[in-house]
Structure formats: structure tokens, C-alpha cells
Amino acid sequence: MNQRSEKIEKIGNALVEGFHYLALFAIGATVVWSAVYEYIGMMEKGYAALKDILLLFIYLELGAMIGIYFKTQRLPVQFLIFIAITALSRHLVIDVQQVSDNFHLLLLLSISGAILLLSAALWLLTYTSHKYGRPEDRHSQPD
């Protein structure tokens, strides 16, 4: 590669990295802002309902995922699965009670099945990473 191409590549990499950090800070600030807003609402109510607490757990998991992504430059798929399981659990506990009786059992079974499927995927990801390692670990080791 000639010098001009190397300079252009360095500038491009710097712009991509700058955008990456800016986007992470914006997403992180949005999560914190939303969590604080929800928490203030709970304080104004004088109590936290189960749905509020589960929502705070979703914010916590989002924050942890952003923190890990910021430190490692890798998106932890397991955290996305945790968030999905928590969101489905919240839906199961809170919203399914308000559904009509005819549809109630089918919805209950589908959400429970989705949670079971996500849990199996989480187990499989954990098992394979312990047994075979993660692909990103192989790329970061010296040859």
C-alpha cells in the first residue's frame, strides 16, 4: 500500500472509531436517562411495582452490555438473551393477566416456550464457549 492509501485508511479508521465511541456514549446516556426517569416516577408514586423492578433490571442489563461492549469492542450476545428473557418474563407476569381467557393459555404457553428456547440458547452458548472457546479469543492470541 502506498502512503496516500495508508493515510486515507488511518483517517477512515479514526472516523469510524470516533463515531463508535460517540454512539456508545449516546446509547449509554439514553439508558441512564430512561432509567432515572422511571426511577423518579416510582419515587413519585411512593412504591415500586413488580413491573417497575423488572424494567429496572432490563436497564441494568442494557447498561452492563454497553459497558462490556465499550471495554472489549465485542457485543456480548448472552446479555441480549438475558434482556429478552427479562422482557418476556415481565410481559408474562404483568401483561398476560389482562388478556382475554380464550387467548390466555396460548399466549402463556408461547411466551413460556420462548423463554425456554432462549434459556437453551444461553446454555448452549455458555457450554460451547467453555468447551471450545470463543472465536474472538482465537483472533486475539498471538500466532
C-alpha atoms as a PDB file:
ATOM      1  CA  MET A   1       0.000   0.000   0.000  1.00  0.00           C
ATOM      2  CA  ASN A   2       1.277   3.457  -0.751  1.00  0.00           C
ATOM      3  CA  GLN A   3       1.487   6.296   1.767  1.00  0.00           C
ATOM      4  CA  ARG A   4      -1.616   8.053   0.489  1.00  0.00           C
ATOM      5  CA  SER A   5      -3.755   4.909   0.883  1.00  0.00           C
ATOM      6  CA  GLU A   6      -2.375   4.348   4.387  1.00  0.00           C
ATOM      7  CA  LYS A   7      -3.265   7.930   5.399  1.00  0.00           C
ATOM      8  CA  ILE A   8      -6.765   7.588   3.988  1.00  0.00           C
ATOM      9  CA  GLU A   9      -7.199   4.275   5.814  1.00  0.00           C
ATOM     10  CA  LYS A  10      -5.982   5.812   9.098  1.00  0.00           C
ATOM     11  CA  ILE A  11      -8.386   8.736   8.725  1.00  0.00           C
ATOM     12  CA  GLY A  12     -11.244   6.365   7.917  1.00  0.00           C
ATOM     13  CA  ASN A  13     -10.436   4.168  10.914  1.00  0.00           C
ATOM     14  CA  ALA A  14     -10.258   7.229  13.187  1.00  0.00           C
ATOM     15  CA  LEU A  15     -13.646   8.457  11.940  1.00  0.00           C
ATOM     16  CA  VAL A  16     -15.244   5.046  12.424  1.00  0.00           C
ATOM     17  CA  GLU A  17     -13.747   4.733  15.911  1.00  0.00           C
ATOM     18  CA  GLY A  18     -14.881   8.264  16.813  1.00  0.00           C
ATOM     19  CA  PHE A  19     -18.413   7.519  15.642  1.00  0.00           C
ATOM     20  CA  HIS A  20     -18.302   4.230  17.552  1.00  0.00           C
ATOM     21  CA  TYR A  21     -17.463   5.970  20.855  1.00  0.00           C
ATOM     22  CA  LEU A  22     -19.940   8.779  20.238  1.00  0.00           C
ATOM     23  CA  ALA A  23     -22.717   6.268  19.566  1.00  0.00           C
ATOM     24  CA  LEU A  24     -21.817   4.241  22.678  1.00  0.00           C
ATOM     25  CA  PHE A  25     -21.919   7.349  24.859  1.00  0.00           C
ATOM     26  CA  ALA A  26     -25.243   8.414  23.333  1.00  0.00           C
ATOM     27  CA  ILE A  27     -26.796   4.977  23.863  1.00  0.00           C
ATOM     28  CA  GLY A  28     -25.394   4.774  27.399  1.00  0.00           C
ATOM     29  CA  ALA A  29     -26.689   8.243  28.253  1.00  0.00           C
ATOM     30  CA  THR A  30     -30.109   7.328  26.861  1.00  0.00           C
ATOM     31  CA  VAL A  31     -30.267   4.179  29.002  1.00  0.00           C
ATOM     32  CA  VAL A  32     -29.243   6.112  32.129  1.00  0.00           C
ATOM     33  CA  TRP A  33     -31.696   8.916  31.343  1.00  0.00           C
ATOM     34  CA  SER A  34     -34.553   6.440  30.831  1.00  0.00           C
ATOM     35  CA  ALA A  35     -33.720   4.502  33.991  1.00  0.00           C
ATOM     36  CA  VAL A  36     -33.559   7.697  36.061  1.00  0.00           C
ATOM     37  CA  TYR A  37     -36.871   8.874  34.587  1.00  0.00           C
ATOM     38  CA  GLU A  38     -38.537   5.564  35.522  1.00  0.00           C
ATOM     39  CA  TYR A  39     -36.987   5.655  38.987  1.00  0.00           C
ATOM     40  CA  ILE A  40     -38.241   9.198  39.601  1.00  0.00           C
ATOM     41  CA  GLY A  41     -41.712   8.032  38.555  1.00  0.00           C
ATOM     42  CA  MET A  42     -41.523   5.236  41.136  1.00  0.00           C
ATOM     43  CA  MET A  43     -40.418   7.674  43.811  1.00  0.00           C
ATOM     44  CA  GLU A  44     -43.355   9.961  42.968  1.00  0.00           C
ATOM     45  CA  LYS A  45     -45.758   7.002  43.237  1.00  0.00           C
ATOM     46  CA  GLY A  46     -44.248   6.102  46.575  1.00  0.00           C
ATOM     47  CA  TYR A  47     -43.695   2.446  45.700  1.00  0.00           C
ATOM     48  CA  ALA A  48     -42.214   0.198  43.039  1.00  0.00           C
ATOM     49  CA  ALA A  49     -44.461  -2.399  41.467  1.00  0.00           C
ATOM     50  CA  LEU A  50     -43.065  -5.676  40.158  1.00  0.00           C
ATOM     51  CA  LYS A  51     -43.217  -4.386  36.577  1.00  0.00           C
ATOM     52  CA  ASP A  52     -41.118  -1.367  37.620  1.00  0.00           C
ATOM     53  CA  ILE A  53     -38.464  -3.524  39.248  1.00  0.00           C
ATOM     54  CA  LEU A  54     -38.261  -5.826  36.237  1.00  0.00           C
ATOM     55  CA  LEU A  55     -37.928  -2.782  33.979  1.00  0.00           C
ATOM     56  CA  LEU A  56     -35.011  -1.563  36.107  1.00  0.00           C
ATOM     57  CA  PHE A  57     -33.357  -4.954  35.616  1.00  0.00           C
ATOM     58  CA  ILE A  58     -33.682  -4.501  31.859  1.00  0.00           C
ATOM     59  CA  TYR A  59     -31.986  -1.102  32.145  1.00  0.00           C
ATOM     60  CA  LEU A  60     -29.256  -2.659  34.305  1.00  0.00           C
ATOM     61  CA  GLU A  61     -28.622  -5.383  31.731  1.00  0.00           C
ATOM     62  CA  LEU A  62     -28.523  -2.815  28.921  1.00  0.00           C
ATOM     63  CA  GLY A  63     -26.007  -0.760  30.894  1.00  0.00           C
ATOM     64  CA  ALA A  64     -23.844  -3.813  31.554  1.00  0.00           C
ATOM     65  CA  MET A  65     -23.962  -4.760  27.885  1.00  0.00           C
ATOM     66  CA  ILE A  66     -22.904  -1.255  26.841  1.00  0.00           C
ATOM     67  CA  GLY A  67     -20.085  -1.273  29.407  1.00  0.00           C
ATOM     68  CA  ILE A  68     -18.745  -4.610  28.190  1.00  0.00           C
ATOM     69  CA  TYR A  69     -19.028  -3.506  24.568  1.00  0.00           C
ATOM     70  CA  PHE A  70     -17.188  -0.291  25.399  1.00  0.00           C
ATOM     71  CA  LYS A  71     -14.323  -2.151  27.097  1.00  0.00           C
ATOM     72  CA  THR A  72     -13.948  -5.116  24.761  1.00  0.00           C
ATOM     73  CA  GLN A  73     -15.327  -3.900  21.398  1.00  0.00           C
ATOM     74  CA  ARG A  74     -17.416  -7.091  21.354  1.00  0.00           C
ATOM     75  CA  LEU A  75     -21.181  -7.374  21.660  1.00  0.00           C
ATOM     76  CA  PRO A  76     -21.979  -9.992  24.298  1.00  0.00           C
ATOM     77  CA  VAL A  77     -24.832 -11.997  22.791  1.00  0.00           C
ATOM     78  CA  GLN A  78     -25.569 -13.505  26.201  1.00  0.00           C
ATOM     79  CA  PHE A  79     -26.653 -10.090  27.504  1.00  0.00           C
ATOM     80  CA  LEU A  80     -29.088  -9.711  24.626  1.00  0.00           C
ATOM     81  CA  ILE A  81     -30.572 -13.069  25.594  1.00  0.00           C
ATOM     82  CA  PHE A  82     -30.764 -12.021  29.265  1.00  0.00           C
ATOM     83  CA  ILE A  83     -32.587  -8.856  28.221  1.00  0.00           C
ATOM     84  CA  ALA A  84     -35.006 -10.841  26.060  1.00  0.00           C
ATOM     85  CA  ILE A  85     -35.696 -13.325  28.866  1.00  0.00           C
ATOM     86  CA  THR A  86     -36.282 -10.494  31.353  1.00  0.00           C
ATOM     87  CA  ALA A  87     -38.578  -8.655  28.928  1.00  0.00           C
ATOM     88  CA  LEU A  88     -40.576 -11.820  28.221  1.00  0.00           C
ATOM     89  CA  SER A  89     -40.778 -12.587  31.949  1.00  0.00           C
ATOM     90  CA  ARG A  90     -42.021  -9.058  32.589  1.00  0.00           C
ATOM     91  CA  HIS A  91     -44.616  -9.491  29.856  1.00  0.00           C
ATOM     92  CA  LEU A  92     -45.624 -12.877  31.248  1.00  0.00           C
ATOM     93  CA  VAL A  93     -46.024 -11.629  34.807  1.00  0.00           C
ATOM     94  CA  ILE A  94     -47.630  -8.260  34.086  1.00  0.00           C
ATOM     95  CA  ASP A  95     -49.382  -8.083  30.725  1.00  0.00           C
ATOM     96  CA  VAL A  96     -50.707 -11.617  30.210  1.00  0.00           C
ATOM     97  CA  GLN A  97     -53.096 -11.185  33.151  1.00  0.00           C
ATOM     98  CA  GLN A  98     -55.014  -8.577  31.149  1.00  0.00           C
ATOM     99  CA  VAL A  99     -55.545 -10.788  28.076  1.00  0.00           C
ATOM    100  CA  SER A 100     -58.931 -12.440  27.441  1.00  0.00           C
ATOM    101  CA  ASP A 101     -59.428 -16.021  28.628  1.00  0.00           C
ATOM    102  CA  ASN A 102     -59.744 -17.537  25.123  1.00  0.00           C
ATOM    103  CA  PHE A 103     -56.278 -16.409  24.096  1.00  0.00           C
ATOM    104  CA  HIS A 104     -54.691 -16.577  27.555  1.00  0.00           C
ATOM    105  CA  LEU A 105     -53.451 -20.186  27.547  1.00  0.00           C
ATOM    106  CA  LEU A 106     -51.932 -19.992  24.054  1.00  0.00           C
ATOM    107  CA  LEU A 107     -50.131 -16.743  24.882  1.00  0.00           C
ATOM    108  CA  LEU A 108     -48.917 -18.138  28.194  1.00  0.00           C
ATOM    109  CA  LEU A 109     -47.534 -21.249  26.507  1.00  0.00           C
ATOM    110  CA  SER A 110     -45.873 -19.304  23.664  1.00  0.00           C
ATOM    111  CA  ILE A 111     -44.104 -16.886  25.994  1.00  0.00           C
ATOM    112  CA  SER A 112     -43.033 -19.737  28.270  1.00  0.00           C
ATOM    113  CA  GLY A 113     -41.762 -21.660  25.236  1.00  0.00           C
ATOM    114  CA  ALA A 114     -39.825 -18.624  24.034  1.00  0.00           C
ATOM    115  CA  ILE A 115     -38.218 -18.243  27.473  1.00  0.00           C
ATOM    116  CA  LEU A 116     -37.315 -21.943  27.443  1.00  0.00           C
ATOM    117  CA  LEU A 117     -35.836 -21.657  23.941  1.00  0.00           C
ATOM    118  CA  LEU A 118     -33.787 -18.581  24.902  1.00  0.00           C
ATOM    119  CA  SER A 119     -32.582 -20.340  28.055  1.00  0.00           C
ATOM    120  CA  ALA A 120     -31.482 -23.329  25.964  1.00  0.00           C
ATOM    121  CA  ALA A 121     -29.645 -20.983  23.585  1.00  0.00           C
ATOM    122  CA  LEU A 122     -27.933 -19.329  26.545  1.00  0.00           C
ATOM    123  CA  TRP A 123     -26.906 -22.711  27.927  1.00  0.00           C
ATOM    124  CA  LEU A 124     -25.591 -23.772  24.512  1.00  0.00           C
ATOM    125  CA  LEU A 125     -23.555 -20.568  24.112  1.00  0.00           C
ATOM    126  CA  THR A 126     -22.076 -20.972  27.588  1.00  0.00           C
ATOM    127  CA  TYR A 127     -21.338 -24.670  27.106  1.00  0.00           C
ATOM    128  CA  THR A 128     -19.647 -24.225  23.737  1.00  0.00           C
ATOM    129  CA  SER A 129     -17.592 -21.239  24.900  1.00  0.00           C
ATOM    130  CA  HIS A 130     -16.293 -23.261  27.871  1.00  0.00           C
ATOM    131  CA  LYS A 131     -15.653 -26.392  25.833  1.00  0.00           C
ATOM    132  CA  TYR A 132     -14.313 -24.886  22.593  1.00  0.00           C
ATOM    133  CA  GLY A 133     -13.522 -21.288  23.468  1.00  0.00           C
ATOM    134  CA  ARG A 134     -14.936 -18.205  21.800  1.00  0.00           C
ATOM    135  CA  PRO A 135     -13.965 -17.318  18.209  1.00  0.00           C
ATOM    136  CA  GLU A 136     -12.868 -13.809  19.228  1.00  0.00           C
ATOM    137  CA  ASP A 137     -10.399 -15.272  21.750  1.00  0.00           C
ATOM    138  CA  ARG A 138      -8.603 -17.142  18.944  1.00  0.00           C
ATOM    139  CA  HIS A 139      -8.175 -13.933  16.939  1.00  0.00           C
ATOM    140  CA  SER A 140      -6.653 -12.012  19.839  1.00  0.00           C
ATOM    141  CA  GLN A 141      -3.997 -14.637  20.671  1.00  0.00           C
ATOM    142  CA  PRO A 142      -0.565 -14.310  19.059  1.00  0.00           C
ATOM    143  CA  ASP A 143       0.315 -16.979  16.485  1.00  0.00           C
END
